[in-house]
């Protein structure tokens, strides 16, 4: 499924067409130029104390993606969650942190089909 994290370093275009850098990884820096210098050299890349408290996963994902309630569980125009998880375009993801999980003890596959997409 789609990757989800609230810990990212990304660039986006704002409503005025200006490119903005957003750091939710929580990297120590003294501004955009300093952050890019640290990324390019690999030196002094340290996480701020608050950075590690940002969630790297959606705790409700397993429930929402397996719920059969008539709504789509995943789709290409999903605008839920914080940026850059939303698929609205004009986002360049530079770095992310993701949670890893143990392999499921058991799984079940359910295929659902319909005769028509018309309501």
Foldseek 3Di string as FASTA:
>chain_A
DDFDFPAFWKWFQDPVRDIDTDGLQQWDADDDVGVVVCVVVVPRGDHDPCNVVGGQDDPCLVVQCPDDDPDHSDDQQDQDDDPPSGNPDRMGTDDGDHDDDDDDPDDDDDDDDDPDPDD
